[in-house]
N, C-alpha and C. Protein backbone atom coordinates (compact mmCIF):
# COMPACT_ATOMS: atom_id res chain seq x y z
N MET A 1 101.22 93.09 105.62
CA MET A 1 102.56 93.11 105.10
C MET A 1 102.49 93.46 103.62
N LEU A 2 103.30 94.41 103.19
CA LEU A 2 103.35 94.81 101.79
C LEU A 2 104.63 94.32 101.16
N LEU A 3 104.53 93.77 99.99
CA LEU A 3 105.70 93.32 99.24
C LEU A 3 105.73 94.04 97.90
N ARG A 4 106.87 94.55 97.52
CA ARG A 4 107.00 95.21 96.22
C ARG A 4 107.58 94.22 95.23
N LYS A 5 106.94 94.13 94.08
CA LYS A 5 107.42 93.24 93.03
C LYS A 5 107.10 93.89 91.70
N ASN A 6 108.13 94.27 90.96
CA ASN A 6 107.95 94.92 89.66
C ASN A 6 107.02 96.13 89.77
N HIS A 7 107.23 96.96 90.78
CA HIS A 7 106.48 98.19 91.01
C HIS A 7 105.02 97.97 91.38
N ALA A 8 104.62 96.74 91.61
CA ALA A 8 103.26 96.45 92.07
C ALA A 8 103.35 96.15 93.56
N ILE A 9 102.30 96.43 94.26
CA ILE A 9 102.27 96.14 95.69
C ILE A 9 101.32 94.97 95.91
N LEU A 10 101.85 93.92 96.50
CA LEU A 10 101.04 92.75 96.83
C LEU A 10 100.73 92.81 98.32
N ILE A 11 99.51 92.61 98.69
CA ILE A 11 99.11 92.68 100.09
C ILE A 11 98.79 91.26 100.56
N CYS A 12 99.48 90.84 101.61
CA CYS A 12 99.26 89.52 102.20
C CYS A 12 98.22 89.67 103.30
N MET A 13 97.05 89.11 103.08
CA MET A 13 96.00 89.23 104.08
C MET A 13 95.13 87.98 104.06
N LYS A 14 94.46 87.79 105.16
CA LYS A 14 93.53 86.67 105.28
C LYS A 14 92.16 87.25 105.58
N ILE A 15 91.14 86.77 104.89
CA ILE A 15 89.78 87.23 105.13
C ILE A 15 88.98 86.05 105.69
N VAL A 16 88.37 86.27 106.85
CA VAL A 16 87.56 85.25 107.51
C VAL A 16 86.13 85.78 107.59
N PHE A 17 85.16 84.93 107.24
CA PHE A 17 83.76 85.33 107.26
C PHE A 17 83.03 84.63 108.40
N THR A 18 82.27 85.39 109.18
CA THR A 18 81.41 84.77 110.19
C THR A 18 80.28 84.05 109.45
N ASP A 19 79.59 83.15 110.14
CA ASP A 19 78.45 82.46 109.53
C ASP A 19 77.40 83.48 109.08
N HIS A 20 77.20 84.50 109.89
CA HIS A 20 76.24 85.55 109.56
C HIS A 20 76.63 86.23 108.25
N ALA A 21 77.90 86.58 108.11
CA ALA A 21 78.38 87.25 106.89
C ALA A 21 78.21 86.35 105.67
N LYS A 22 78.49 85.06 105.82
CA LYS A 22 78.33 84.11 104.70
C LYS A 22 76.88 84.10 104.21
N LYS A 23 75.94 84.11 105.15
CA LYS A 23 74.51 84.14 104.78
C LYS A 23 74.18 85.42 104.02
N ARG A 24 74.69 86.55 104.50
CA ARG A 24 74.39 87.84 103.86
C ARG A 24 75.01 87.93 102.47
N ILE A 25 76.19 87.38 102.29
CA ILE A 25 76.83 87.37 100.96
C ILE A 25 75.95 86.64 99.97
N LEU A 26 75.43 85.48 100.38
CA LEU A 26 74.56 84.70 99.49
C LEU A 26 73.22 85.40 99.26
N GLU A 27 72.60 85.89 100.34
CA GLU A 27 71.31 86.58 100.25
C GLU A 27 71.37 87.79 99.33
N ARG A 28 72.45 88.53 99.45
CA ARG A 28 72.56 89.83 98.77
C ARG A 28 73.41 89.76 97.50
N SER A 29 73.87 88.55 97.15
CA SER A 29 74.67 88.33 95.93
C SER A 29 75.85 89.30 95.84
N ILE A 30 76.64 89.34 96.90
CA ILE A 30 77.79 90.24 96.94
C ILE A 30 79.02 89.49 96.46
N PRO A 31 79.64 89.95 95.37
CA PRO A 31 80.85 89.27 94.87
C PRO A 31 82.02 89.41 95.86
N ILE A 32 82.76 88.34 96.03
CA ILE A 32 83.92 88.35 96.93
C ILE A 32 84.94 89.39 96.48
N ARG A 33 85.06 89.61 95.19
CA ARG A 33 86.05 90.60 94.71
C ARG A 33 85.72 92.01 95.22
N TYR A 34 84.42 92.32 95.40
CA TYR A 34 84.04 93.63 95.95
C TYR A 34 84.52 93.75 97.40
N ILE A 35 84.43 92.66 98.14
CA ILE A 35 84.86 92.66 99.54
C ILE A 35 86.37 92.87 99.60
N ARG A 36 87.09 92.14 98.76
CA ARG A 36 88.54 92.28 98.71
C ARG A 36 88.94 93.70 98.33
N GLU A 37 88.27 94.27 97.32
CA GLU A 37 88.56 95.63 96.87
C GLU A 37 88.28 96.65 97.98
N ALA A 38 87.19 96.42 98.72
CA ALA A 38 86.83 97.34 99.81
C ALA A 38 87.88 97.33 100.91
N ILE A 39 88.42 96.16 101.22
CA ILE A 39 89.45 96.06 102.26
C ILE A 39 90.75 96.71 101.80
N ILE A 40 91.13 96.45 100.56
CA ILE A 40 92.38 96.99 100.03
C ILE A 40 92.31 98.50 99.82
N SER A 41 91.17 98.95 99.27
CA SER A 41 91.06 100.36 98.91
C SER A 41 89.65 100.88 99.20
N PRO A 42 89.33 101.11 100.47
CA PRO A 42 87.98 101.57 100.80
C PRO A 42 87.73 102.99 100.32
N THR A 43 86.48 103.27 99.95
CA THR A 43 86.08 104.63 99.58
C THR A 43 86.01 105.49 100.84
N LEU A 44 85.57 104.88 101.95
CA LEU A 44 85.40 105.61 103.21
C LEU A 44 85.60 104.66 104.38
N ILE A 45 86.25 105.13 105.42
CA ILE A 45 86.38 104.38 106.67
C ILE A 45 85.67 105.20 107.74
N LYS A 46 84.68 104.58 108.40
CA LYS A 46 83.90 105.28 109.41
C LYS A 46 84.26 104.78 110.81
N PRO A 47 84.20 105.66 111.80
CA PRO A 47 84.47 105.21 113.17
C PRO A 47 83.38 104.25 113.65
N SER A 48 83.78 103.35 114.52
CA SER A 48 82.84 102.39 115.08
C SER A 48 83.31 102.05 116.49
N TYR A 49 82.58 101.18 117.15
CA TYR A 49 82.96 100.73 118.48
C TYR A 49 84.15 99.79 118.38
N TYR A 50 85.21 100.07 119.16
CA TYR A 50 86.39 99.22 119.16
C TYR A 50 85.99 97.81 119.54
N PRO A 51 86.47 96.78 118.90
CA PRO A 51 87.53 96.71 117.91
C PRO A 51 87.03 96.63 116.46
N THR A 52 85.80 97.01 116.21
CA THR A 52 85.30 96.90 114.84
C THR A 52 85.56 98.18 114.04
N GLU A 53 85.52 98.02 112.72
CA GLU A 53 85.64 99.14 111.80
C GLU A 53 84.49 99.03 110.79
N ILE A 54 84.11 100.16 110.24
CA ILE A 54 83.11 100.18 109.18
C ILE A 54 83.81 100.76 107.95
N ILE A 55 83.79 99.99 106.86
CA ILE A 55 84.37 100.49 105.62
C ILE A 55 83.30 100.50 104.54
N GLN A 56 83.44 101.41 103.61
CA GLN A 56 82.51 101.50 102.48
C GLN A 56 83.29 101.47 101.18
N LYS A 57 82.67 100.90 100.16
CA LYS A 57 83.24 100.88 98.82
C LYS A 57 82.11 101.09 97.83
N ILE A 58 82.31 102.03 96.91
CA ILE A 58 81.32 102.25 95.86
C ILE A 58 81.53 101.18 94.79
N THR A 59 80.45 100.47 94.47
CA THR A 59 80.48 99.41 93.46
C THR A 59 79.40 99.71 92.43
N PRO A 60 79.40 99.00 91.31
CA PRO A 60 78.33 99.21 90.33
C PRO A 60 76.92 98.97 90.89
N GLU A 61 76.81 98.11 91.90
CA GLU A 61 75.50 97.80 92.50
C GLU A 61 75.09 98.80 93.56
N GLY A 62 75.99 99.64 94.00
CA GLY A 62 75.71 100.61 95.04
C GLY A 62 76.87 100.68 96.02
N THR A 63 76.65 101.37 97.12
CA THR A 63 77.69 101.49 98.14
C THR A 63 77.64 100.27 99.06
N LEU A 64 78.74 99.53 99.09
CA LEU A 64 78.85 98.36 99.95
C LEU A 64 79.43 98.79 101.29
N GLU A 65 78.74 98.44 102.37
CA GLU A 65 79.24 98.75 103.71
C GLU A 65 79.58 97.44 104.40
N ILE A 66 80.76 97.39 105.01
CA ILE A 66 81.25 96.18 105.65
C ILE A 66 81.63 96.50 107.09
N ILE A 67 81.13 95.69 108.02
CA ILE A 67 81.52 95.79 109.42
C ILE A 67 82.53 94.67 109.64
N LEU A 68 83.72 95.05 110.09
CA LEU A 68 84.77 94.04 110.24
C LEU A 68 85.63 94.30 111.47
N LYS A 69 86.38 93.29 111.80
CA LYS A 69 87.34 93.36 112.90
C LYS A 69 88.70 93.01 112.29
N LYS A 70 89.70 93.82 112.56
CA LYS A 70 91.03 93.61 111.99
C LYS A 70 92.00 93.17 113.09
N ILE A 71 92.67 92.05 112.84
CA ILE A 71 93.69 91.55 113.75
C ILE A 71 94.94 91.29 112.91
N ASN A 72 95.93 92.19 113.04
CA ASN A 72 97.14 92.14 112.22
C ASN A 72 96.76 92.15 110.74
N THR A 73 97.03 91.06 110.01
CA THR A 73 96.68 91.01 108.58
C THR A 73 95.45 90.13 108.33
N THR A 74 94.71 89.83 109.39
CA THR A 74 93.47 89.05 109.25
C THR A 74 92.28 89.98 109.42
N PHE A 75 91.33 89.87 108.50
CA PHE A 75 90.11 90.67 108.53
C PHE A 75 88.94 89.73 108.77
N ILE A 76 88.22 89.93 109.86
CA ILE A 76 87.05 89.12 110.18
C ILE A 76 85.82 89.92 109.77
N ILE A 77 85.11 89.42 108.77
CA ILE A 77 83.92 90.10 108.26
C ILE A 77 82.74 89.69 109.12
N ILE A 78 82.12 90.67 109.77
CA ILE A 78 81.00 90.41 110.67
C ILE A 78 79.68 90.45 109.91
N THR A 79 79.47 91.52 109.15
CA THR A 79 78.28 91.63 108.30
C THR A 79 78.58 92.61 107.18
N LEU A 80 77.74 92.61 106.16
CA LEU A 80 77.92 93.51 105.03
C LEU A 80 76.60 93.66 104.30
N TYR A 81 76.44 94.83 103.68
CA TYR A 81 75.17 95.15 103.02
C TYR A 81 75.38 96.33 102.10
N TYR A 82 74.45 96.49 101.15
CA TYR A 82 74.44 97.67 100.28
C TYR A 82 73.59 98.74 100.94
N LEU A 83 74.04 99.98 100.88
CA LEU A 83 73.27 101.09 101.41
C LEU A 83 72.21 101.53 100.40
């Protein structure tokens, strides 16, 4: 759902992390803000097996790739890594 407020767009979304994804975030020191930025504005969206999606975002640390499942405005992060 998008809401307009003073010409800014606010996106209402929920991000859920699997236990596996939580481990990878800690192991790989991936900032949560990079994950949020990738979901809001991905550099690239790649095809994957339904119902998952693969998104990429270029960050200062490298290209972050995220495997996720989207259900309405909820994003379930399955795994993530730098390429």
